[in-house]
Amino acid sequence: MKQVLLTDYAWPDPEVERSVIEGAGFSLAIGPAKASPQAAIVELARQNRPLAIMTCWAEVTAPAIEACPDLKIVQRIGVGLDNIDRAAAAARGAVVTNVPDYCVEEVSDHAVGMLLAWARGIVSFDREVKGGQWDAAGARLRRVRDLTVGIAGFGRIGRRTAAKMQPFGSRLLVYDKYPPSGGFPEGMTGVDAKRLLSESDVVVLHLPLTPETRNFIDARSLQRMKPGSLLINVSRGGLVDNDALLQALEKGPLGAAALDVVEGEPNPPRALIGNPKVIATPHIAFASTASVLELRRRSAEEVVRVLTGQKPHHPCPPP
């Protein structure tokens, strides 16, 4: 039986994946739900010698790939590829694929929701009221229309966040290393990263995590931000230097941070996420009942597509 290895999964059971894979005539080997350490993934690969590896959060390293002599595809059950050694996969002759567009609405909704929660004090006042404090006179809130919102990264999700902010009337600045050939849409101004940071009241990160973008937000970039401004990260924790962020929250100029992702998750620094100026959610911006089902089904279908000799819908070239 031709084998597919599912390294881990972030849902109650792997039945969607099993239905698609085994329905196509392949066998599905399933690792623990929680992502195992690198050595354990290598051992799973050696034991099963799969034609395909499907991974949610587990790291698919070069040794794991080398343990699979007939490997055809490494499928990321998600968007980001930082947990897959794409160069090793290419050397093995295996394609790396992802599902880049399953959660565009959810992540952009989450970014906008975090912005509104900060601007209108929803989280902070909820905490106060539940703690027994009723202080309407202490409100120092913001008119969203008057904000300058900077969006770093103008891919699928960045474009949707920008489009969703337009009806609020905010000034929109956009930074992308590869700006659209036809220019940015009407009502959006393309700027460089320095100007984005220095002029924005809110900076939203929609960047992929690469060696070039790691610590995109560091001590120097944080010092460029406006006093009292908000940083939103719904992309990857590694885009932000945790220590520098904490310092900027405690000593300025940053006023607040809204983080769905944090370097070190699922055990991020308590000093950071426990800071009263931080709104934190546990890497769930991608999630809705609809998006997760779509992600699982499409991931499994892409594996079947490649193993039956068809072209993948979303191949990801090596770096």
C-alpha atoms as a PDB file:
ATOM      1  CA  MET A   1       0.000   0.000   0.000  1.00  0.00           C
ATOM      2  CA  LYS A   2       1.319   3.435  -0.949  1.00  0.00           C
ATOM      3  CA  GLN A   3       1.875   5.381   2.234  1.00  0.00           C
ATOM      4  CA  VAL A   4       1.091   8.964   3.244  1.00  0.00           C
ATOM      5  CA  LEU A   5       2.372  10.279   6.590  1.00  0.00           C
ATOM      6  CA  LEU A   6       0.358  12.821   8.587  1.00  0.00           C
ATOM      7  CA  THR A   7       2.863  14.120  11.140  1.00  0.00           C
ATOM      8  CA  ASP A   8       0.400  16.019  13.385  1.00  0.00           C
ATOM      9  CA  TYR A   9      -2.984  17.721  13.385  1.00  0.00           C
ATOM     10  CA  ALA A  10      -4.621  20.582  15.292  1.00  0.00           C
ATOM     11  CA  TRP A  11      -8.200  19.275  15.408  1.00  0.00           C
ATOM     12  CA  PRO A  12     -10.023  16.537  17.321  1.00  0.00           C
ATOM     13  CA  ASP A  13      -9.401  13.757  14.791  1.00  0.00           C
ATOM     14  CA  PRO A  14      -7.858  13.134  11.346  1.00  0.00           C
ATOM     15  CA  GLU A  15     -10.979  11.698   9.723  1.00  0.00           C
ATOM     16  CA  VAL A  16     -11.242  14.293   6.941  1.00  0.00           C
ATOM     17  CA  GLU A  17      -7.676  13.534   5.876  1.00  0.00           C
ATOM     18  CA  ARG A  18      -8.227   9.799   6.204  1.00  0.00           C
ATOM     19  CA  SER A  19     -11.393   9.921   4.093  1.00  0.00           C
ATOM     20  CA  VAL A  20      -9.684  11.708   1.194  1.00  0.00           C
ATOM     21  CA  ILE A  21      -6.368   9.803   1.292  1.00  0.00           C
ATOM     22  CA  GLU A  22      -7.759   6.312   1.811  1.00  0.00           C
ATOM     23  CA  GLY A  23     -10.670   7.027  -0.513  1.00  0.00           C
ATOM     24  CA  ALA A  24      -8.078   7.497  -3.269  1.00  0.00           C
ATOM     25  CA  GLY A  25      -6.477   4.131  -2.514  1.00  0.00           C
ATOM     26  CA  PHE A  26      -3.561   5.233  -0.346  1.00  0.00           C
ATOM     27  CA  SER A  27      -2.701   4.317   3.230  1.00  0.00           C
ATOM     28  CA  LEU A  28      -2.507   7.013   5.898  1.00  0.00           C
ATOM     29  CA  ALA A  29      -0.016   6.718   8.771  1.00  0.00           C
ATOM     30  CA  ILE A  30      -0.820   9.161  11.562  1.00  0.00           C
ATOM     31  CA  GLY A  31       1.542  10.686  14.108  1.00  0.00           C
ATOM     32  CA  PRO A  32       0.509  12.211  17.452  1.00  0.00           C
ATOM     33  CA  ALA A  33      -1.896  15.142  17.320  1.00  0.00           C
ATOM     34  CA  LYS A  34       0.634  17.433  19.008  1.00  0.00           C
ATOM     35  CA  ALA A  35       3.689  18.148  16.899  1.00  0.00           C
ATOM     36  CA  SER A  36       6.569  15.862  17.880  1.00  0.00           C
ATOM     37  CA  PRO A  37      10.221  16.930  18.178  1.00  0.00           C
ATOM     38  CA  GLN A  38      12.391  16.822  15.072  1.00  0.00           C
ATOM     39  CA  ALA A  39      13.996  13.473  15.966  1.00  0.00           C
ATOM     40  CA  ALA A  40      10.600  11.831  16.393  1.00  0.00           C
ATOM     41  CA  ILE A  41       9.480  13.084  12.973  1.00  0.00           C
ATOM     42  CA  VAL A  42      12.639  11.635  11.431  1.00  0.00           C
ATOM     43  CA  GLU A  43      11.855   8.294  13.062  1.00  0.00           C
ATOM     44  CA  LEU A  44       8.269   8.390  11.774  1.00  0.00           C
ATOM     45  CA  ALA A  45       9.629   9.009   8.285  1.00  0.00           C
ATOM     46  CA  ARG A  46      12.084   6.101   8.575  1.00  0.00           C
ATOM     47  CA  GLN A  47       9.412   3.734   9.810  1.00  0.00           C
ATOM     48  CA  ASN A  48       6.870   4.587   7.115  1.00  0.00           C
ATOM     49  CA  ARG A  49       9.035   5.693   4.136  1.00  0.00           C
ATOM     50  CA  PRO A  50       6.050   7.635   2.777  1.00  0.00           C
ATOM     51  CA  LEU A  51       5.427   8.943  -0.714  1.00  0.00           C
ATOM     52  CA  ALA A  52       3.909  12.055   0.861  1.00  0.00           C
ATOM     53  CA  ILE A  53       4.267  13.948   4.123  1.00  0.00           C
ATOM     54  CA  MET A  54       1.481  16.157   5.420  1.00  0.00           C
ATOM     55  CA  THR A  55       2.454  18.497   8.257  1.00  0.00           C
ATOM     56  CA  CYS A  56       0.558  20.983  10.337  1.00  0.00           C
ATOM     57  CA  TRP A  57       3.089  22.357  12.852  1.00  0.00           C
ATOM     58  CA  ALA A  58       5.753  19.610  12.967  1.00  0.00           C
ATOM     59  CA  GLU A  59       9.139  20.449  11.445  1.00  0.00           C
ATOM     60  CA  VAL A  60       9.951  18.477   8.314  1.00  0.00           C
ATOM     61  CA  THR A  61      13.738  18.695   8.311  1.00  0.00           C
ATOM     62  CA  ALA A  62      16.357  17.520   5.828  1.00  0.00           C
ATOM     63  CA  PRO A  63      16.959  14.242   7.768  1.00  0.00           C
ATOM     64  CA  ALA A  64      13.232  13.472   7.692  1.00  0.00           C
ATOM     65  CA  ILE A  65      13.111  14.104   3.961  1.00  0.00           C
ATOM     66  CA  GLU A  66      16.259  12.052   3.363  1.00  0.00           C
ATOM     67  CA  ALA A  67      14.595   9.126   5.167  1.00  0.00           C
ATOM     68  CA  CYS A  68      11.948   8.982   2.427  1.00  0.00           C
ATOM     69  CA  PRO A  69      13.652   7.795  -0.798  1.00  0.00           C
ATOM     70  CA  ASP A  70      10.443   7.856  -2.857  1.00  0.00           C
ATOM     71  CA  LEU A  71       9.028  11.106  -1.497  1.00  0.00           C
ATOM     72  CA  LYS A  72       6.898  13.010  -4.017  1.00  0.00           C
ATOM     73  CA  ILE A  73       5.301  15.802  -1.997  1.00  0.00           C
ATOM     74  CA  VAL A  74       5.495  17.634   1.333  1.00  0.00           C
ATOM     75  CA  GLN A  75       2.138  19.262   1.993  1.00  0.00           C
ATOM     76  CA  ARG A  76       1.883  22.077   4.511  1.00  0.00           C
ATOM     77  CA  ILE A  77      -1.561  22.033   6.097  1.00  0.00           C
ATOM     78  CA  GLY A  78      -1.588  25.803   6.209  1.00  0.00           C
ATOM     79  CA  VAL A  79       0.083  28.765   4.531  1.00  0.00           C
ATOM     80  CA  GLY A  80       3.535  29.368   6.036  1.00  0.00           C
ATOM     81  CA  LEU A  81       6.453  27.188   4.971  1.00  0.00           C
ATOM     82  CA  ASP A  82       8.987  27.962   7.697  1.00  0.00           C
ATOM     83  CA  ASN A  83       8.644  24.450   9.210  1.00  0.00           C
ATOM     84  CA  ILE A  84       9.656  22.686   5.955  1.00  0.00           C
ATOM     85  CA  ASP A  85      13.174  22.393   4.538  1.00  0.00           C
ATOM     86  CA  ARG A  86      12.237  23.317   0.985  1.00  0.00           C
ATOM     87  CA  ALA A  87      15.802  23.043  -0.299  1.00  0.00           C
ATOM     88  CA  ALA A  88      16.051  19.449   0.957  1.00  0.00           C
ATOM     89  CA  ALA A  89      12.706  18.618  -0.613  1.00  0.00           C
ATOM     90  CA  ALA A  90      13.826  20.029  -3.953  1.00  0.00           C
ATOM     91  CA  ALA A  91      17.053  18.012  -3.758  1.00  0.00           C
ATOM     92  CA  ARG A  92      14.950  14.885  -3.186  1.00  0.00           C
ATOM     93  CA  GLY A  93      12.777  15.780  -6.181  1.00  0.00           C
ATOM     94  CA  ALA A  94       9.683  16.364  -4.054  1.00  0.00           C
ATOM     95  CA  VAL A  95       7.326  19.274  -4.517  1.00  0.00           C
ATOM     96  CA  VAL A  96       6.342  21.417  -1.536  1.00  0.00           C
ATOM     97  CA  THR A  97       2.773  22.703  -1.515  1.00  0.00           C
ATOM     98  CA  ASN A  98       0.483  24.699   0.752  1.00  0.00           C
ATOM     99  CA  VAL A  99      -3.049  26.127   0.828  1.00  0.00           C
ATOM    100  CA  PRO A 100      -2.365  29.856   0.543  1.00  0.00           C
ATOM    101  CA  ASP A 101      -5.903  31.213   0.350  1.00  0.00           C
ATOM    102  CA  TYR A 102      -8.127  29.209   2.702  1.00  0.00           C
ATOM    103  CA  CYS A 103      -8.185  31.744   5.571  1.00  0.00           C
ATOM    104  CA  VAL A 104      -7.928  35.113   3.844  1.00  0.00           C
ATOM    105  CA  GLU A 105     -11.233  36.308   5.269  1.00  0.00           C
ATOM    106  CA  GLU A 106     -10.582  34.996   8.772  1.00  0.00           C
ATOM    107  CA  VAL A 107      -7.108  36.494   9.235  1.00  0.00           C
ATOM    108  CA  SER A 108      -8.089  39.861   7.793  1.00  0.00           C
ATOM    109  CA  ASP A 109     -11.208  39.852   9.999  1.00  0.00           C
ATOM    110  CA  HIS A 110      -9.004  39.131  13.009  1.00  0.00           C
ATOM    111  CA  ALA A 111      -6.619  41.977  12.211  1.00  0.00           C
ATOM    112  CA  VAL A 112      -9.464  44.457  11.821  1.00  0.00           C
ATOM    113  CA  GLY A 113     -11.119  43.118  14.960  1.00  0.00           C
ATOM    114  CA  MET A 114      -7.937  43.641  16.975  1.00  0.00           C
ATOM    115  CA  LEU A 115      -7.637  47.184  15.651  1.00  0.00           C
ATOM    116  CA  LEU A 116     -11.227  47.999  16.654  1.00  0.00           C
ATOM    117  CA  ALA A 117     -10.843  46.367  20.068  1.00  0.00           C
ATOM    118  CA  TRP A 118      -7.847  48.624  20.759  1.00  0.00           C
ATOM    119  CA  ALA A 119      -9.299  51.814  19.300  1.00  0.00           C
ATOM    120  CA  ARG A 120     -12.542  51.459  21.264  1.00  0.00           C
ATOM    121  CA  GLY A 121     -10.975  50.059  24.428  1.00  0.00           C
ATOM    122  CA  ILE A 122     -13.101  46.912  24.300  1.00  0.00           C
ATOM    123  CA  VAL A 123     -10.580  44.540  25.852  1.00  0.00           C
ATOM    124  CA  SER A 124      -9.190  46.914  28.479  1.00  0.00           C
ATOM    125  CA  PHE A 125     -12.609  48.105  29.632  1.00  0.00           C
ATOM    126  CA  ASP A 126     -13.952  44.559  29.697  1.00  0.00           C
ATOM    127  CA  ARG A 127     -11.120  43.670  32.076  1.00  0.00           C
ATOM    128  CA  GLU A 128     -11.850  46.700  34.263  1.00  0.00           C
ATOM    129  CA  VAL A 129     -15.603  46.128  34.459  1.00  0.00           C
ATOM    130  CA  LYS A 130     -15.175  42.468  35.347  1.00  0.00           C
ATOM    131  CA  GLY A 131     -12.691  43.562  38.019  1.00  0.00           C
ATOM    132  CA  GLY A 132     -15.339  45.763  39.636  1.00  0.00           C
ATOM    133  CA  GLN A 133     -14.307  49.115  38.152  1.00  0.00           C
ATOM    134  CA  TRP A 134     -16.844  51.297  36.313  1.00  0.00           C
ATOM    135  CA  ASP A 135     -14.965  54.323  35.014  1.00  0.00           C
ATOM    136  CA  ALA A 136     -16.564  55.814  31.915  1.00  0.00           C
ATOM    137  CA  ALA A 137     -14.880  59.146  32.621  1.00  0.00           C
ATOM    138  CA  GLY A 138     -11.483  57.513  32.216  1.00  0.00           C
ATOM    139  CA  ALA A 139     -12.057  56.602  28.584  1.00  0.00           C
ATOM    140  CA  ARG A 140      -9.387  57.875  26.192  1.00  0.00           C
ATOM    141  CA  LEU A 141     -10.614  56.362  22.943  1.00  0.00           C
ATOM    142  CA  ARG A 142      -9.857  56.865  19.273  1.00  0.00           C
ATOM    143  CA  ARG A 143     -11.890  57.717  16.198  1.00  0.00           C
ATOM    144  CA  VAL A 144     -10.990  55.006  13.679  1.00  0.00           C
ATOM    145  CA  ARG A 145     -11.534  57.343  10.727  1.00  0.00           C
ATOM    146  CA  ASP A 146      -8.751  59.597  12.015  1.00  0.00           C
ATOM    147  CA  LEU A 147      -6.152  56.825  12.230  1.00  0.00           C
ATOM    148  CA  THR A 148      -3.335  56.176   9.793  1.00  0.00           C
ATOM    149  CA  VAL A 149      -3.139  52.402   9.293  1.00  0.00           C
ATOM    150  CA  GLY A 150       0.043  50.899   7.871  1.00  0.00           C
ATOM    151  CA  ILE A 151      -0.102  47.439   6.322  1.00  0.00           C
ATOM    152  CA  ALA A 152       3.200  45.610   5.908  1.00  0.00           C
ATOM    153  CA  GLY A 153       2.748  42.941   3.244  1.00  0.00           C
ATOM    154  CA  PHE A 154       0.270  43.266   0.380  1.00  0.00           C
ATOM    155  CA  GLY A 155      -0.458  39.644  -0.456  1.00  0.00           C
ATOM    156  CA  ARG A 156      -3.906  38.078  -0.400  1.00  0.00           C
ATOM    157  CA  ILE A 157      -4.540  38.782   3.277  1.00  0.00           C
ATOM    158  CA  GLY A 158      -2.945  42.230   3.316  1.00  0.00           C
ATOM    159  CA  ARG A 159      -5.140  43.264   0.390  1.00  0.00           C
ATOM    160  CA  ARG A 160      -8.287  42.104   2.179  1.00  0.00           C
ATOM    161  CA  THR A 161      -7.345  43.889   5.409  1.00  0.00           C
ATOM    162  CA  ALA A 162      -6.772  47.089   3.451  1.00  0.00           C
ATOM    163  CA  ALA A 163     -10.091  46.698   1.629  1.00  0.00           C
ATOM    164  CA  LYS A 164     -11.939  46.100   4.896  1.00  0.00           C
ATOM    165  CA  MET A 165     -10.412  49.228   6.440  1.00  0.00           C
ATOM    166  CA  GLN A 166     -11.377  51.489   3.535  1.00  0.00           C
ATOM    167  CA  PRO A 167     -15.035  51.950   4.579  1.00  0.00           C
ATOM    168  CA  PHE A 168     -13.863  53.264   7.962  1.00  0.00           C
ATOM    169  CA  GLY A 169     -12.189  56.154   6.149  1.00  0.00           C
ATOM    170  CA  SER A 170      -8.743  55.639   7.682  1.00  0.00           C
ATOM    171  CA  ARG A 171      -5.640  56.788   5.834  1.00  0.00           C
ATOM    172  CA  LEU A 172      -3.991  53.655   4.443  1.00  0.00           C
ATOM    173  CA  LEU A 173      -0.248  53.206   3.914  1.00  0.00           C
ATOM    174  CA  VAL A 174       1.077  50.000   2.346  1.00  0.00           C
ATOM    175  CA  TYR A 175       4.554  48.512   2.216  1.00  0.00           C
ATOM    176  CA  ASP A 176       5.528  45.521   0.102  1.00  0.00           C
ATOM    177  CA  LYS A 177       8.943  44.545  -1.205  1.00  0.00           C
ATOM    178  CA  TYR A 178       7.285  43.635  -4.511  1.00  0.00           C
ATOM    179  CA  PRO A 179       4.563  46.265  -5.061  1.00  0.00           C
ATOM    180  CA  PRO A 180       1.841  45.609  -7.651  1.00  0.00           C
ATOM    181  CA  SER A 181       3.005  46.369 -11.191  1.00  0.00           C
ATOM    182  CA  GLY A 182      -0.036  48.535 -11.775  1.00  0.00           C
ATOM    183  CA  GLY A 183       0.364  50.410  -8.511  1.00  0.00           C
ATOM    184  CA  PHE A 184      -1.657  50.216  -5.322  1.00  0.00           C
ATOM    185  CA  PRO A 185      -5.451  50.548  -5.415  1.00  0.00           C
ATOM    186  CA  GLU A 186      -7.081  53.941  -5.113  1.00  0.00           C
ATOM    187  CA  GLY A 187      -7.086  55.204  -1.551  1.00  0.00           C
ATOM    188  CA  MET A 188      -3.885  53.362  -0.604  1.00  0.00           C
ATOM    189  CA  THR A 189      -0.416  54.915  -0.635  1.00  0.00           C
ATOM    190  CA  GLY A 190       2.653  52.778  -1.239  1.00  0.00           C
ATOM    191  CA  VAL A 191       5.564  53.671   1.042  1.00  0.00           C
ATOM    192  CA  ASP A 192       8.855  52.199   2.214  1.00  0.00           C
ATOM    193  CA  ALA A 193       9.124  50.389   5.537  1.00  0.00           C
ATOM    194  CA  LYS A 194      10.627  53.349   7.409  1.00  0.00           C
ATOM    195  CA  ARG A 195       7.843  55.693   6.413  1.00  0.00           C
ATOM    196  CA  LEU A 196       5.207  53.078   7.195  1.00  0.00           C
ATOM    197  CA  LEU A 197       6.511  52.748  10.748  1.00  0.00           C
ATOM    198  CA  SER A 198       7.006  56.454  11.388  1.00  0.00           C
ATOM    199  CA  GLU A 199       3.646  57.693  10.065  1.00  0.00           C
ATOM    200  CA  SER A 200       1.231  54.942  11.157  1.00  0.00           C
ATOM    201  CA  ASP A 201      -0.937  54.931  14.255  1.00  0.00           C
ATOM    202  CA  VAL A 202      -1.454  51.208  13.667  1.00  0.00           C
ATOM    203  CA  VAL A 203       0.982  48.836  11.957  1.00  0.00           C
ATOM    204  CA  VAL A 204      -0.422  45.486  10.798  1.00  0.00           C
ATOM    205  CA  LEU A 205       2.019  42.707   9.885  1.00  0.00           C
ATOM    206  CA  HIS A 206       0.983  40.509   6.946  1.00  0.00           C
ATOM    207  CA  LEU A 207       4.472  39.315   5.969  1.00  0.00           C
ATOM    208  CA  PRO A 208       5.788  35.770   5.454  1.00  0.00           C
ATOM    209  CA  LEU A 209       8.555  34.632   7.789  1.00  0.00           C
ATOM    210  CA  THR A 210      11.807  34.325   5.857  1.00  0.00           C
ATOM    211  CA  PRO A 211      15.451  34.885   6.829  1.00  0.00           C
ATOM    212  CA  GLU A 212      15.059  38.397   5.444  1.00  0.00           C
ATOM    213  CA  THR A 213      11.896  39.252   7.419  1.00  0.00           C
ATOM    214  CA  ARG A 214      12.876  37.642  10.748  1.00  0.00           C
ATOM    215  CA  ASN A 215      12.845  40.392  13.380  1.00  0.00           C
ATOM    216  CA  PHE A 216      11.382  42.803  10.856  1.00  0.00           C
ATOM    217  CA  ILE A 217      10.197  44.571  13.981  1.00  0.00           C
ATOM    218  CA  ASP A 218      13.298  45.041  16.144  1.00  0.00           C
ATOM    219  CA  ALA A 219      14.473  47.713  18.581  1.00  0.00           C
ATOM    220  CA  ARG A 220      15.424  50.132  15.826  1.00  0.00           C
ATOM    221  CA  SER A 221      12.157  49.816  13.924  1.00  0.00           C
ATOM    222  CA  LEU A 222      10.115  50.111  17.124  1.00  0.00           C
ATOM    223  CA  GLN A 223      11.829  53.401  17.926  1.00  0.00           C
ATOM    224  CA  ARG A 224      10.579  54.740  14.591  1.00  0.00           C
ATOM    225  CA  MET A 225       6.940  54.161  15.557  1.00  0.00           C
ATOM    226  CA  LYS A 226       4.653  56.952  16.746  1.00  0.00           C
ATOM    227  CA  PRO A 227       4.134  57.440  20.488  1.00  0.00           C
ATOM    228  CA  GLY A 228       1.083  55.491  21.629  1.00  0.00           C
ATOM    229  CA  SER A 229       0.809  53.479  18.422  1.00  0.00           C
ATOM    230  CA  LEU A 230      -0.406  49.877  18.049  1.00  0.00           C
ATOM    231  CA  LEU A 231       1.426  46.905  16.525  1.00  0.00           C
ATOM    232  CA  ILE A 232      -0.709  44.009  15.237  1.00  0.00           C
ATOM    233  CA  ASN A 233       0.881  40.677  14.316  1.00  0.00           C
ATOM    234  CA  VAL A 234      -1.336  38.017  12.741  1.00  0.00           C
ATOM    235  CA  SER A 235       1.382  36.440  10.583  1.00  0.00           C
ATOM    236  CA  ARG A 236       4.364  34.776  12.305  1.00  0.00           C
ATOM    237  CA  GLY A 237       5.868  35.360  15.724  1.00  0.00           C
ATOM    238  CA  GLY A 238       9.409  35.484  14.351  1.00  0.00           C
ATOM    239  CA  LEU A 239       8.666  38.771  12.597  1.00  0.00           C
ATOM    240  CA  VAL A 240       8.955  40.512  15.973  1.00  0.00           C
ATOM    241  CA  ASP A 241      11.814  40.604  18.478  1.00  0.00           C
ATOM    242  CA  ASN A 242      10.068  39.778  21.776  1.00  0.00           C
ATOM    243  CA  ASP A 243      12.581  41.536  24.017  1.00  0.00           C
ATOM    244  CA  ALA A 244      12.546  44.689  21.927  1.00  0.00           C
ATOM    245  CA  LEU A 245       8.742  44.671  21.863  1.00  0.00           C
ATOM    246  CA  LEU A 246       8.511  44.380  25.637  1.00  0.00           C
ATOM    247  CA  GLN A 247      10.961  47.244  26.076  1.00  0.00           C
ATOM    248  CA  ALA A 248       8.995  49.430  23.642  1.00  0.00           C
ATOM    249  CA  LEU A 249       5.791  48.711  25.556  1.00  0.00           C
ATOM    250  CA  GLU A 250       7.317  49.483  28.933  1.00  0.00           C
ATOM    251  CA  LYS A 251       9.444  52.510  27.988  1.00  0.00           C
ATOM    252  CA  GLY A 252       7.805  53.721  24.780  1.00  0.00           C
ATOM    253  CA  PRO A 253       7.092  54.686  22.155  1.00  0.00           C
ATOM    254  CA  LEU A 254       4.668  51.794  21.569  1.00  0.00           C
ATOM    255  CA  GLY A 255       1.262  52.129  23.210  1.00  0.00           C
ATOM    256  CA  ALA A 256      -0.041  48.589  22.700  1.00  0.00           C
ATOM    257  CA  ALA A 257       0.393  45.327  20.822  1.00  0.00           C
ATOM    258  CA  ALA A 258      -2.195  42.873  19.540  1.00  0.00           C
ATOM    259  CA  LEU A 259      -0.635  39.458  18.948  1.00  0.00           C
ATOM    260  CA  ASP A 260      -2.161  36.330  17.508  1.00  0.00           C
ATOM    261  CA  VAL A 261       1.330  34.877  17.045  1.00  0.00           C
ATOM    262  CA  VAL A 262       4.350  35.107  19.339  1.00  0.00           C
ATOM    263  CA  GLU A 263       7.862  33.754  18.959  1.00  0.00           C
ATOM    264  CA  GLY A 264       8.140  30.822  21.357  1.00  0.00           C
ATOM    265  CA  GLU A 265       4.506  29.707  21.088  1.00  0.00           C
ATOM    266  CA  PRO A 266       2.827  27.640  22.432  1.00  0.00           C
ATOM    267  CA  ASN A 267       4.841  28.778  25.474  1.00  0.00           C
ATOM    268  CA  PRO A 268       5.507  32.447  24.733  1.00  0.00           C
ATOM    269  CA  PRO A 269       7.178  34.751  27.276  1.00  0.00           C
ATOM    270  CA  ARG A 270       4.754  35.383  30.121  1.00  0.00           C
ATOM    271  CA  ALA A 271       6.141  38.862  30.691  1.00  0.00           C
ATOM    272  CA  LEU A 272       5.066  39.804  27.170  1.00  0.00           C
ATOM    273  CA  ILE A 273       1.634  38.250  26.827  1.00  0.00           C
ATOM    274  CA  GLY A 274       0.786  39.111  30.429  1.00  0.00           C
ATOM    275  CA  ASN A 275       1.539  42.781  29.873  1.00  0.00           C
ATOM    276  CA  PRO A 276      -1.688  44.819  30.288  1.00  0.00           C
ATOM    277  CA  LYS A 277      -0.906  46.679  27.062  1.00  0.00           C
ATOM    278  CA  VAL A 278      -1.051  43.431  25.070  1.00  0.00           C
ATOM    279  CA  ILE A 279      -4.099  41.777  23.517  1.00  0.00           C
ATOM    280  CA  ALA A 280      -3.222  38.138  22.864  1.00  0.00           C
ATOM    281  CA  THR A 281      -4.975  35.260  21.118  1.00  0.00           C
ATOM    282  CA  PRO A 282      -3.502  31.730  20.711  1.00  0.00           C
ATOM    283  CA  HIS A 283      -2.713  31.633  16.973  1.00  0.00           C
ATOM    284  CA  ILE A 284      -6.353  31.289  15.953  1.00  0.00           C
ATOM    285  CA  ALA A 285      -6.701  34.104  13.402  1.00  0.00           C
ATOM    286  CA  PHE A 286      -6.927  31.479  10.646  1.00  0.00           C
ATOM    287  CA  ALA A 287      -9.696  29.544  12.319  1.00  0.00           C
ATOM    288  CA  SER A 288     -13.364  29.181  11.584  1.00  0.00           C
ATOM    289  CA  THR A 289     -15.401  26.035  11.128  1.00  0.00           C
ATOM    290  CA  ALA A 290     -15.489  26.671   7.392  1.00  0.00           C
ATOM    291  CA  SER A 291     -11.812  27.544   6.954  1.00  0.00           C
ATOM    292  CA  VAL A 292     -10.461  24.550   8.885  1.00  0.00           C
ATOM    293  CA  LEU A 293     -12.607  22.069   6.994  1.00  0.00           C
ATOM    294  CA  GLU A 294     -11.554  23.657   3.702  1.00  0.00           C
ATOM    295  CA  LEU A 295      -7.891  23.556   4.707  1.00  0.00           C
ATOM    296  CA  ARG A 296      -7.956  19.877   5.656  1.00  0.00           C
ATOM    297  CA  ARG A 297      -9.850  18.749   2.575  1.00  0.00           C
ATOM    298  CA  ARG A 298      -7.781  20.760   0.109  1.00  0.00           C
ATOM    299  CA  SER A 299      -4.497  19.655   1.695  1.00  0.00           C
ATOM    300  CA  ALA A 300      -5.406  16.007   1.318  1.00  0.00           C
ATOM    301  CA  GLU A 301      -6.702  16.533  -2.213  1.00  0.00           C
ATOM    302  CA  GLU A 302      -3.412  18.177  -3.225  1.00  0.00           C
ATOM    303  CA  VAL A 303      -1.507  15.114  -1.995  1.00  0.00           C
ATOM    304  CA  VAL A 304      -3.754  12.799  -3.995  1.00  0.00           C
ATOM    305  CA  ARG A 305      -3.390  15.048  -7.015  1.00  0.00           C
ATOM    306  CA  VAL A 306       0.407  14.776  -6.993  1.00  0.00           C
ATOM    307  CA  LEU A 307       0.504  11.053  -6.183  1.00  0.00           C
ATOM    308  CA  THR A 308      -1.804  10.310  -9.118  1.00  0.00           C
ATOM    309  CA  GLY A 309       0.468  12.127 -11.555  1.00  0.00           C
ATOM    310  CA  GLN A 310      -1.356  15.447 -11.789  1.00  0.00           C
ATOM    311  CA  LYS A 311       0.113  18.906 -11.391  1.00  0.00           C
ATOM    312  CA  PRO A 312      -0.256  20.501  -7.954  1.00  0.00           C
ATOM    313  CA  HIS A 313      -2.446  23.570  -7.655  1.00  0.00           C
ATOM    314  CA  HIS A 314      -0.106  25.410  -5.271  1.00  0.00           C
ATOM    315  CA  PRO A 315       3.563  24.406  -5.726  1.00  0.00           C
ATOM    316  CA  CYS A 316       6.048  26.397  -3.640  1.00  0.00           C
ATOM    317  CA  PRO A 317       9.515  26.740  -5.164  1.00  0.00           C
ATOM    318  CA  PRO A 318      12.622  26.290  -3.022  1.00  0.00           C
ATOM    319  CA  PRO A 319      14.005  29.473  -1.434  1.00  0.00           C
END
